[in-house]
Amino acid sequence: MGKPILTPALAALLREWLPQQRWFPVKTPDFSLEQVGGLGLADRTAMAHLEVYLLSVTSVTADGGQRTDVLQVPLSRRAGQAGELERALIGQDAADLALP
């Protein structure tokens, strides 16, 4: 599997979803998001595209400084409904693949 690419559509979904996660280090909508790496993984069932994104997140701190964190964000892309994974759905990208 090749390196996944952070598309503009996926970046938009992540910009909305990430601040809602308790583990996300930035709690404001003011941050930059950049892909610094990634890994595509094989799914033996061929039901999903498994991807791990390494994302650089930069924000301004309360004292006016700058903070950068690197996050690992695993995603699976599925062509149809994810059933029991519906609660993990973050949206659909331009390729119309569900992202639980």
PDB file of N, CA and C in Angstrom:
ATOM      1  N   MET A   1       0.842  -1.174   0.000  1.00  0.00           N
ATOM      2  CA  MET A   1       0.000   0.000   0.000  1.00  0.00           C
ATOM      3  C   MET A   1       0.887   1.237   0.000  1.00  0.00           C
ATOM      4  N   GLY A   2       0.413   2.262  -0.674  1.00  0.00           N
ATOM      5  CA  GLY A   2       1.164   3.498  -0.743  1.00  0.00           C
ATOM      6  C   GLY A   2       0.813   4.464   0.369  1.00  0.00           C
ATOM      7  N   LYS A   3       1.506   5.557   0.356  1.00  0.00           N
ATOM      8  CA  LYS A   3       1.274   6.612   1.345  1.00  0.00           C
ATOM      9  C   LYS A   3      -0.052   7.304   1.044  1.00  0.00           C
ATOM     10  N   PRO A   4      -0.939   7.448   2.037  1.00  0.00           N
ATOM     11  CA  PRO A   4      -2.191   8.163   1.805  1.00  0.00           C
ATOM     12  C   PRO A   4      -1.929   9.663   1.659  1.00  0.00           C
ATOM     13  N   ILE A   5      -2.785  10.314   0.916  1.00  0.00           N
ATOM     14  CA  ILE A   5      -2.651  11.750   0.674  1.00  0.00           C
ATOM     15  C   ILE A   5      -3.810  12.484   1.344  1.00  0.00           C
ATOM     16  N   LEU A   6      -3.498  13.503   2.112  1.00  0.00           N
ATOM     17  CA  LEU A   6      -4.504  14.327   2.768  1.00  0.00           C
ATOM     18  C   LEU A   6      -5.114  15.265   1.726  1.00  0.00           C
ATOM     19  N   THR A   7      -6.298  14.930   1.251  1.00  0.00           N
ATOM     20  CA  THR A   7      -6.981  15.744   0.251  1.00  0.00           C
ATOM     21  C   THR A   7      -7.622  16.954   0.931  1.00  0.00           C
ATOM     22  N   PRO A   8      -7.946  17.996   0.167  1.00  0.00           N
ATOM     23  CA  PRO A   8      -8.646  19.142   0.760  1.00  0.00           C
ATOM     24  C   PRO A   8      -9.971  18.745   1.418  1.00  0.00           C
ATOM     25  N   ALA A   9     -10.701  17.811   0.822  1.00  0.00           N
ATOM     26  CA  ALA A   9     -11.979  17.369   1.403  1.00  0.00           C
ATOM     27  C   ALA A   9     -11.754  16.675   2.743  1.00  0.00           C
ATOM     28  N   LEU A  10     -10.754  15.805   2.827  1.00  0.00           N
ATOM     29  CA  LEU A  10     -10.458  15.117   4.082  1.00  0.00           C
ATOM     30  C   LEU A  10      -9.939  16.108   5.117  1.00  0.00           C
ATOM     31  N   ALA A  11      -9.104  17.034   4.711  1.00  0.00           N
ATOM     32  CA  ALA A  11      -8.591  18.045   5.642  1.00  0.00           C
ATOM     33  C   ALA A  11      -9.744  18.846   6.246  1.00  0.00           C
ATOM     34  N   ALA A  12     -10.742  19.185   5.439  1.00  0.00           N
ATOM     35  CA  ALA A  12     -11.903  19.931   5.937  1.00  0.00           C
ATOM     36  C   ALA A  12     -12.673  19.107   6.970  1.00  0.00           C
ATOM     37  N   LEU A  13     -12.860  17.813   6.694  1.00  0.00           N
ATOM     38  CA  LEU A  13     -13.537  16.936   7.657  1.00  0.00           C
ATOM     39  C   LEU A  13     -12.752  16.857   8.967  1.00  0.00           C
ATOM     40  N   LEU A  14     -11.448  16.705   8.863  1.00  0.00           N
ATOM     41  CA  LEU A  14     -10.614  16.579  10.058  1.00  0.00           C
ATOM     42  C   LEU A  14     -10.575  17.878  10.860  1.00  0.00           C
ATOM     43  N   ARG A  15     -10.591  19.024  10.186  1.00  0.00           N
ATOM     44  CA  ARG A  15     -10.572  20.310  10.893  1.00  0.00           C
ATOM     45  C   ARG A  15     -11.821  20.475  11.769  1.00  0.00           C
ATOM     46  N   GLU A  16     -12.926  19.894  11.363  1.00  0.00           N
ATOM     47  CA  GLU A  16     -14.148  19.947  12.177  1.00  0.00           C
ATOM     48  C   GLU A  16     -14.140  18.872  13.262  1.00  0.00           C
ATOM     49  N   TRP A  17     -13.654  17.689  12.925  1.00  0.00           N
ATOM     50  CA  TRP A  17     -13.732  16.545  13.826  1.00  0.00           C
ATOM     51  C   TRP A  17     -12.665  16.562  14.915  1.00  0.00           C
ATOM     52  N   LEU A  18     -11.437  16.907  14.571  1.00  0.00           N
ATOM     53  CA  LEU A  18     -10.329  16.826  15.524  1.00  0.00           C
ATOM     54  C   LEU A  18     -10.552  17.626  16.814  1.00  0.00           C
ATOM     55  N   PRO A  19     -10.998  18.892  16.767  1.00  0.00           N
ATOM     56  CA  PRO A  19     -11.162  19.643  18.021  1.00  0.00           C
ATOM     57  C   PRO A  19     -12.199  19.037  18.980  1.00  0.00           C
ATOM     58  N   GLN A  20     -13.032  18.151  18.490  1.00  0.00           N
ATOM     59  CA  GLN A  20     -14.039  17.507  19.338  1.00  0.00           C
ATOM     60  C   GLN A  20     -13.492  16.278  20.072  1.00  0.00           C
ATOM     61  N   GLN A  21     -12.275  15.880  19.730  1.00  0.00           N
ATOM     62  CA  GLN A  21     -11.680  14.690  20.344  1.00  0.00           C
ATOM     63  C   GLN A  21     -10.936  15.083  21.612  1.00  0.00           C
ATOM     64  N   ARG A  22     -11.140  14.343  22.690  1.00  0.00           N
ATOM     65  CA  ARG A  22     -10.530  14.695  23.975  1.00  0.00           C
ATOM     66  C   ARG A  22      -9.007  14.681  23.926  1.00  0.00           C
ATOM     67  N   TRP A  23      -8.417  13.901  23.032  1.00  0.00           N
ATOM     68  CA  TRP A  23      -6.969  13.774  22.946  1.00  0.00           C
ATOM     69  C   TRP A  23      -6.333  14.835  22.043  1.00  0.00           C
ATOM     70  N   PHE A  24      -7.152  15.610  21.338  1.00  0.00           N
ATOM     71  CA  PHE A  24      -6.611  16.624  20.423  1.00  0.00           C
ATOM     72  C   PHE A  24      -6.042  17.779  21.252  1.00  0.00           C
ATOM     73  N   PRO A  25      -4.798  18.203  20.999  1.00  0.00           N
ATOM     74  CA  PRO A  25      -4.138  19.185  21.868  1.00  0.00           C
ATOM     75  C   PRO A  25      -4.618  20.626  21.701  1.00  0.00           C
ATOM     76  N   VAL A  26      -5.398  20.934  20.669  1.00  0.00           N
ATOM     77  CA  VAL A  26      -5.848  22.302  20.420  1.00  0.00           C
ATOM     78  C   VAL A  26      -7.364  22.351  20.603  1.00  0.00           C
ATOM     79  N   LYS A  27      -7.848  23.272  21.411  1.00  0.00           N
ATOM     80  CA  LYS A  27      -9.285  23.340  21.691  1.00  0.00           C
ATOM     81  C   LYS A  27      -9.953  24.553  21.033  1.00  0.00           C
ATOM     82  N   THR A  28      -9.270  25.182  20.112  1.00  0.00           N
ATOM     83  CA  THR A  28      -9.848  26.302  19.366  1.00  0.00           C
ATOM     84  C   THR A  28      -9.850  25.953  17.877  1.00  0.00           C
ATOM     85  N   PRO A  29     -10.655  26.660  17.090  1.00  0.00           N
ATOM     86  CA  PRO A  29     -10.673  26.384  15.652  1.00  0.00           C
ATOM     87  C   PRO A  29      -9.479  26.986  14.904  1.00  0.00           C
ATOM     88  N   ASP A  30      -8.624  27.696  15.630  1.00  0.00           N
ATOM     89  CA  ASP A  30      -7.487  28.371  15.004  1.00  0.00           C
ATOM     90  C   ASP A  30      -6.233  27.509  15.066  1.00  0.00           C
ATOM     91  N   PHE A  31      -6.050  26.692  14.036  1.00  0.00           N
ATOM     92  CA  PHE A  31      -4.848  25.866  13.948  1.00  0.00           C
ATOM     93  C   PHE A  31      -4.585  25.546  12.484  1.00  0.00           C
ATOM     94  N   SER A  32      -3.335  25.268  12.187  1.00  0.00           N
ATOM     95  CA  SER A  32      -2.999  24.822  10.836  1.00  0.00           C
ATOM     96  C   SER A  32      -2.773  23.318  10.884  1.00  0.00           C
ATOM     97  N   LEU A  33      -3.080  22.678   9.785  1.00  0.00           N
ATOM     98  CA  LEU A  33      -3.016  21.223   9.689  1.00  0.00           C
ATOM     99  C   LEU A  33      -2.226  20.871   8.441  1.00  0.00           C
ATOM    100  N   GLU A  34      -1.178  20.067   8.612  1.00  0.00           N
ATOM    101  CA  GLU A  34      -0.340  19.693   7.471  1.00  0.00           C
ATOM    102  C   GLU A  34       0.058  18.230   7.602  1.00  0.00           C
ATOM    103  N   GLN A  35       0.001  17.507   6.514  1.00  0.00           N
ATOM    104  CA  GLN A  35       0.434  16.118   6.523  1.00  0.00           C
ATOM    105  C   GLN A  35       1.956  16.070   6.473  1.00  0.00           C
ATOM    106  N   VAL A  36       2.544  15.292   7.394  1.00  0.00           N
ATOM    107  CA  VAL A  36       3.994  15.135   7.408  1.00  0.00           C
ATOM    108  C   VAL A  36       4.406  13.695   7.132  1.00  0.00           C
ATOM    109  N   GLY A  37       3.426  12.822   6.994  1.00  0.00           N
ATOM    110  CA  GLY A  37       3.716  11.429   6.696  1.00  0.00           C
ATOM    111  C   GLY A  37       2.436  10.626   6.654  1.00  0.00           C
ATOM    112  N   GLY A  38       2.585   9.371   6.378  1.00  0.00           N
ATOM    113  CA  GLY A  38       1.415   8.509   6.345  1.00  0.00           C
ATOM    114  C   GLY A  38       1.783   7.109   5.907  1.00  0.00           C
ATOM    115  N   LEU A  39       0.849   6.218   6.121  1.00  0.00           N
ATOM    116  CA  LEU A  39       1.073   4.817   5.817  1.00  0.00           C
ATOM    117  C   LEU A  39      -0.246   4.190   5.424  1.00  0.00           C
ATOM    118  N   GLY A  40      -0.262   3.499   4.293  1.00  0.00           N
ATOM    119  CA  GLY A  40      -1.425   2.724   3.891  1.00  0.00           C
ATOM    120  C   GLY A  40      -1.232   1.284   4.324  1.00  0.00           C
ATOM    121  N   LEU A  41      -2.273   0.677   4.855  1.00  0.00           N
ATOM    122  CA  LEU A  41      -2.195  -0.699   5.353  1.00  0.00           C
ATOM    123  C   LEU A  41      -3.131  -1.596   4.562  1.00  0.00           C
ATOM    124  N   ALA A  42      -2.761  -2.835   4.400  1.00  0.00           N
ATOM    125  CA  ALA A  42      -3.595  -3.787   3.670  1.00  0.00           C
ATOM    126  C   ALA A  42      -4.715  -4.300   4.570  1.00  0.00           C
ATOM    127  N   ASP A  43      -5.897  -4.445   3.994  1.00  0.00           N
ATOM    128  CA  ASP A  43      -7.036  -5.043   4.682  1.00  0.00           C
ATOM    129  C   ASP A  43      -7.300  -6.385   4.011  1.00  0.00           C
ATOM    130  N   ARG A  44      -7.077  -7.451   4.727  1.00  0.00           N
ATOM    131  CA  ARG A  44      -7.231  -8.790   4.144  1.00  0.00           C
ATOM    132  C   ARG A  44      -8.649  -9.075   3.682  1.00  0.00           C
ATOM    133  N   THR A  45      -9.624  -8.387   4.254  1.00  0.00           N
ATOM    134  CA  THR A  45     -11.022  -8.608   3.860  1.00  0.00           C
ATOM    135  C   THR A  45     -11.395  -7.792   2.630  1.00  0.00           C
ATOM    136  N   ALA A  46     -10.570  -6.842   2.260  1.00  0.00           N
ATOM    137  CA  ALA A  46     -10.824  -5.928   1.124  1.00  0.00           C
ATOM    138  C   ALA A  46     -12.110  -5.128   1.307  1.00  0.00           C
ATOM    139  N   MET A  47     -12.525  -4.912   2.549  1.00  0.00           N
ATOM    140  CA  MET A  47     -13.729  -4.143   2.818  1.00  0.00           C
ATOM    141  C   MET A  47     -13.426  -2.678   3.117  1.00  0.00           C
ATOM    142  N   ALA A  48     -12.156  -2.358   3.324  1.00  0.00           N
ATOM    143  CA  ALA A  48     -11.796  -0.994   3.702  1.00  0.00           C
ATOM    144  C   ALA A  48     -10.401  -0.658   3.205  1.00  0.00           C
ATOM    145  N   HIS A  49     -10.139   0.632   3.092  1.00  0.00           N
ATOM    146  CA  HIS A  49      -8.792   1.145   2.865  1.00  0.00           C
ATOM    147  C   HIS A  49      -8.335   1.643   4.228  1.00  0.00           C
ATOM    148  N   LEU A  50      -7.281   1.082   4.758  1.00  0.00           N
ATOM    149  CA  LEU A  50      -6.777   1.458   6.075  1.00  0.00           C
ATOM    150  C   LEU A  50      -5.604   2.417   5.901  1.00  0.00           C
ATOM    151  N   GLU A  51      -5.668   3.543   6.583  1.00  0.00           N
ATOM    152  CA  GLU A  51      -4.654   4.587   6.430  1.00  0.00           C
ATOM    153  C   GLU A  51      -4.298   5.176   7.787  1.00  0.00           C
ATOM    154  N   VAL A  52      -3.040   5.508   7.941  1.00  0.00           N
ATOM    155  CA  VAL A  52      -2.578   6.221   9.126  1.00  0.00           C
ATOM    156  C   VAL A  52      -1.951   7.516   8.639  1.00  0.00           C
ATOM    157  N   TYR A  53      -2.466   8.633   9.118  1.00  0.00           N
ATOM    158  CA  TYR A  53      -1.951   9.948   8.750  1.00  0.00           C
ATOM    159  C   TYR A  53      -1.108  10.491   9.892  1.00  0.00           C
ATOM    160  N   LEU A  54       0.051  11.033   9.565  1.00  0.00           N
ATOM    161  CA  LEU A  54       0.860  11.786  10.516  1.00  0.00           C
ATOM    162  C   LEU A  54       0.633  13.249  10.180  1.00  0.00           C
ATOM    163  N   LEU A  55       0.061  13.975  11.135  1.00  0.00           N
ATOM    164  CA  LEU A  55      -0.346  15.352  10.894  1.00  0.00           C
ATOM    165  C   LEU A  55       0.363  16.305  11.841  1.00  0.00           C
ATOM    166  N   SER A  56       0.876  17.381  11.287  1.00  0.00           N
ATOM    167  CA  SER A  56       1.461  18.450  12.077  1.00  0.00           C
ATOM    168  C   SER A  56       0.353  19.468  12.345  1.00  0.00           C
ATOM    169  N   VAL A  57       0.141  19.767  13.628  1.00  0.00           N
ATOM    170  CA  VAL A  57      -0.889  20.727  14.038  1.00  0.00           C
ATOM    171  C   VAL A  57      -0.192  21.873  14.743  1.00  0.00           C
ATOM    172  N   THR A  58      -0.334  23.074  14.201  1.00  0.00           N
ATOM    173  CA  THR A  58       0.322  24.246  14.776  1.00  0.00           C
ATOM    174  C   THR A  58      -0.740  25.245  15.211  1.00  0.00           C
ATOM    175  N   SER A  59      -0.549  25.795  16.423  1.00  0.00           N
ATOM    176  CA  SER A  59      -1.480  26.785  16.960  1.00  0.00           C
ATOM    177  C   SER A  59      -0.705  27.844  17.732  1.00  0.00           C
ATOM    178  N   VAL A  60      -1.398  28.930  18.037  1.00  0.00           N
ATOM    179  CA  VAL A  60      -0.810  30.011  18.824  1.00  0.00           C
ATOM    180  C   VAL A  60      -1.161  29.765  20.288  1.00  0.00           C
ATOM    181  N   THR A  61      -0.177  29.885  21.159  1.00  0.00           N
ATOM    182  CA  THR A  61      -0.391  29.668  22.588  1.00  0.00           C
ATOM    183  C   THR A  61      -0.913  30.942  23.242  1.00  0.00           C
ATOM    184  N   ALA A  62      -1.354  30.837  24.490  1.00  0.00           N
ATOM    185  CA  ALA A  62      -1.907  31.976  25.225  1.00  0.00           C
ATOM    186  C   ALA A  62      -0.913  33.120  25.361  1.00  0.00           C
ATOM    187  N   ASP A  63       0.382  32.807  25.414  1.00  0.00           N
ATOM    188  CA  ASP A  63       1.391  33.864  25.550  1.00  0.00           C
ATOM    189  C   ASP A  63       1.895  34.386  24.209  1.00  0.00           C
ATOM    190  N   GLY A  64       1.225  34.000  23.117  1.00  0.00           N
ATOM    191  CA  GLY A  64       1.590  34.484  21.794  1.00  0.00           C
ATOM    192  C   GLY A  64       2.629  33.658  21.080  1.00  0.00           C
ATOM    193  N   GLY A  65       3.095  32.613  21.721  1.00  0.00           N
ATOM    194  CA  GLY A  65       4.066  31.730  21.087  1.00  0.00           C
ATOM    195  C   GLY A  65       3.386  30.776  20.118  1.00  0.00           C
ATOM    196  N   GLN A  66       4.158  29.859  19.630  1.00  0.00           N
ATOM    197  CA  GLN A  66       3.639  28.882  18.677  1.00  0.00           C
ATOM    198  C   GLN A  66       3.893  27.480  19.212  1.00  0.00           C
ATOM    199  N   ARG A  67       2.893  26.617  19.054  1.00  0.00           N
ATOM    200  CA  ARG A  67       3.011  25.227  19.496  1.00  0.00           C
ATOM    201  C   ARG A  67       2.730  24.328  18.310  1.00  0.00           C
ATOM    202  N   THR A  68       3.587  23.321  18.125  1.00  0.00           N
ATOM    203  CA  THR A  68       3.378  22.340  17.068  1.00  0.00           C
ATOM    204  C   THR A  68       3.397  20.948  17.681  1.00  0.00           C
ATOM    205  N   ASP A  69       2.381  20.180  17.357  1.00  0.00           N
ATOM    206  CA  ASP A  69       2.283  18.788  17.778  1.00  0.00           C
ATOM    207  C   ASP A  69       2.171  17.928  16.528  1.00  0.00           C
ATOM    208  N   VAL A  70       2.667  16.715  16.604  1.00  0.00           N
ATOM    209  CA  VAL A  70       2.497  15.756  15.511  1.00  0.00           C
ATOM    210  C   VAL A  70       1.588  14.653  16.032  1.00  0.00           C
ATOM    211  N   LEU A  71       0.521  14.410  15.275  1.00  0.00           N
ATOM    212  CA  LEU A  71      -0.487  13.425  15.662  1.00  0.00           C
ATOM    213  C   LEU A  71      -0.508  12.261  14.701  1.00  0.00           C
ATOM    214  N   GLN A  72      -0.863  11.124  15.218  1.00  0.00           N
ATOM    215  CA  GLN A  72      -1.100   9.930  14.405  1.00  0.00           C
ATOM    216  C   GLN A  72      -2.614   9.734  14.376  1.00  0.00           C
ATOM    217  N   VAL A  73      -3.205   9.787  13.168  1.00  0.00           N
ATOM    218  CA  VAL A  73      -4.656   9.660  13.029  1.00  0.00           C
ATOM    219  C   VAL A  73      -4.963   8.473  12.113  1.00  0.00           C
ATOM    220  N   PRO A  74      -5.385   7.340  12.697  1.00  0.00           N
ATOM    221  CA  PRO A  74      -5.747   6.181  11.865  1.00  0.00           C
ATOM    222  C   PRO A  74      -7.186   6.332  11.350  1.00  0.00           C
ATOM    223  N   LEU A  75      -7.390   6.025  10.089  1.00  0.00           N
ATOM    224  CA  LEU A  75      -8.716   6.085   9.473  1.00  0.00           C
ATOM    225  C   LEU A  75      -8.942   4.854   8.615  1.00  0.00           C
ATOM    226  N   SER A  76     -10.192   4.505   8.454  1.00  0.00           N
ATOM    227  CA  SER A  76     -10.536   3.494   7.463  1.00  0.00           C
ATOM    228  C   SER A  76     -11.535   4.124   6.508  1.00  0.00           C
ATOM    229  N   ARG A  77     -11.371   3.833   5.250  1.00  0.00           N
ATOM    230  CA  ARG A  77     -12.291   4.322   4.216  1.00  0.00           C
ATOM    231  C   ARG A  77     -13.094   3.132   3.727  1.00  0.00           C
ATOM    232  N   ARG A  78     -14.391   3.313   3.688  1.00  0.00           N
ATOM    233  CA  ARG A  78     -15.284   2.230   3.289  1.00  0.00           C
ATOM    234  C   ARG A  78     -16.236   2.724   2.219  1.00  0.00           C
ATOM    235  N   ALA A  79     -16.571   1.849   1.295  1.00  0.00           N
ATOM    236  CA  ALA A  79     -17.445   2.216   0.185  1.00  0.00           C
ATOM    237  C   ALA A  79     -18.907   2.300   0.598  1.00  0.00           C
ATOM    238  N   GLY A  80     -19.284   1.670   1.689  1.00  0.00           N
ATOM    239  CA  GLY A  80     -20.681   1.663   2.104  1.00  0.00           C
ATOM    240  C   GLY A  80     -20.836   1.959   3.571  1.00  0.00           C
ATOM    241  N   GLN A  81     -22.025   1.696   4.082  1.00  0.00           N
ATOM    242  CA  GLN A  81     -22.303   1.902   5.497  1.00  0.00           C
ATOM    243  C   GLN A  81     -21.396   1.021   6.342  1.00  0.00           C
ATOM    244  N   ALA A  82     -20.985   1.533   7.477  1.00  0.00           N
ATOM    245  CA  ALA A  82     -20.055   0.815   8.335  1.00  0.00           C
ATOM    246  C   ALA A  82     -20.747   0.031   9.446  1.00  0.00           C
ATOM    247  N   GLY A  83     -22.065   0.029   9.463  1.00  0.00           N
ATOM    248  CA  GLY A  83     -22.797  -0.747  10.461  1.00  0.00           C
ATOM    249  C   GLY A  83     -22.447  -0.360  11.877  1.00  0.00           C
ATOM    250  N   GLU A  84     -21.802  -1.268  12.601  1.00  0.00           N
ATOM    251  CA  GLU A  84     -21.464  -1.025  13.998  1.00  0.00           C
ATOM    252  C   GLU A  84     -20.443   0.100  14.183  1.00  0.00           C
ATOM    253  N   LEU A  85     -19.815   0.530  13.124  1.00  0.00           N
ATOM    254  CA  LEU A  85     -18.843   1.626  13.218  1.00  0.00           C
ATOM    255  C   LEU A  85     -19.479   2.995  12.960  1.00  0.00           C
ATOM    256  N   GLU A  86     -20.785   3.033  12.798  1.00  0.00           N
ATOM    257  CA  GLU A  86     -21.476   4.289  12.473  1.00  0.00           C
ATOM    258  C   GLU A  86     -21.158   5.406  13.464  1.00  0.00           C
ATOM    259  N   ARG A  87     -21.001   5.070  14.736  1.00  0.00           N
ATOM    260  CA  ARG A  87     -20.708   6.093  15.749  1.00  0.00           C
ATOM    261  C   ARG A  87     -19.335   6.729  15.538  1.00  0.00           C
ATOM    262  N   ALA A  88     -18.460   6.076  14.786  1.00  0.00           N
ATOM    263  CA  ALA A  88     -17.119   6.593  14.529  1.00  0.00           C
ATOM    264  C   ALA A  88     -17.026   7.340  13.201  1.00  0.00           C
ATOM    265  N   LEU A  89     -18.126   7.453  12.483  1.00  0.00           N
ATOM    266  CA  LEU A  89     -18.122   8.113  11.179  1.00  0.00           C
ATOM    267  C   LEU A  89     -17.813   9.597  11.333  1.00  0.00           C
ATOM    268  N   ILE A  90     -16.824  10.077  10.585  1.00  0.00           N
ATOM    269  CA  ILE A  90     -16.516  11.505  10.624  1.00  0.00           C
ATOM    270  C   ILE A  90     -17.023  12.223   9.388  1.00  0.00           C
ATOM    271  N   GLY A  91     -17.427  11.490   8.368  1.00  0.00           N
ATOM    272  CA  GLY A  91     -17.977  12.118   7.179  1.00  0.00           C
ATOM    273  C   GLY A  91     -17.647  11.342   5.936  1.00  0.00           C
ATOM    274  N   GLN A  92     -17.895  11.989   4.808  1.00  0.00           N
ATOM    275  CA  GLN A  92     -17.581  11.395   3.522  1.00  0.00           C
ATOM    276  C   GLN A  92     -16.715  12.368   2.745  1.00  0.00           C
ATOM    277  N   ASP A  93     -15.715  11.819   2.048  1.00  0.00           N
ATOM    278  CA  ASP A  93     -14.839  12.677   1.270  1.00  0.00           C
ATOM    279  C   ASP A  93     -15.340  12.757  -0.169  1.00  0.00           C
ATOM    280  N   ALA A  94     -14.621  13.468  -0.997  1.00  0.00           N
ATOM    281  CA  ALA A  94     -15.044  13.704  -2.383  1.00  0.00           C
ATOM    282  C   ALA A  94     -15.168  12.413  -3.170  1.00  0.00           C
ATOM    283  N   ALA A  95     -14.444  11.386  -2.779  1.00  0.00           N
ATOM    284  CA  ALA A  95     -14.521  10.094  -3.479  1.00  0.00           C
ATOM    285  C   ALA A  95     -15.707   9.273  -2.969  1.00  0.00           C
ATOM    286  N   ASP A  96     -16.535   9.885  -2.091  1.00  0.00           N
ATOM    287  CA  ASP A  96     -17.731   9.245  -1.564  1.00  0.00           C
ATOM    288  C   ASP A  96     -17.405   7.979  -0.783  1.00  0.00           C
ATOM    289  N   LEU A  97     -16.309   8.007  -0.053  1.00  0.00           N
ATOM    290  CA  LEU A  97     -15.943   6.879   0.796  1.00  0.00           C
ATOM    291  C   LEU A  97     -16.169   7.284   2.252  1.00  0.00           C
ATOM    292  N   ALA A  98     -16.882   6.481   2.990  1.00  0.00           N
ATOM    293  CA  ALA A  98     -17.126   6.763   4.401  1.00  0.00           C
ATOM    294  C   ALA A  98     -15.812   6.668   5.168  1.00  0.00           C
ATOM    295  N   LEU A  99     -15.670   7.503   6.181  1.00  0.00           N
ATOM    296  CA  LEU A  99     -14.435   7.561   6.949  1.00  0.00           C
ATOM    297  C   LEU A  99     -14.682   7.275   8.421  1.00  0.00           C
ATOM    298  N   PRO A 100     -14.941   6.024   8.785  1.00  0.00           N
ATOM    299  CA  PRO A 100     -15.095   5.721  10.216  1.00  0.00           C
ATOM    300  C   PRO A 100     -13.728   5.514  10.864  1.00  0.00           C
TER     301      PRO A 100
END
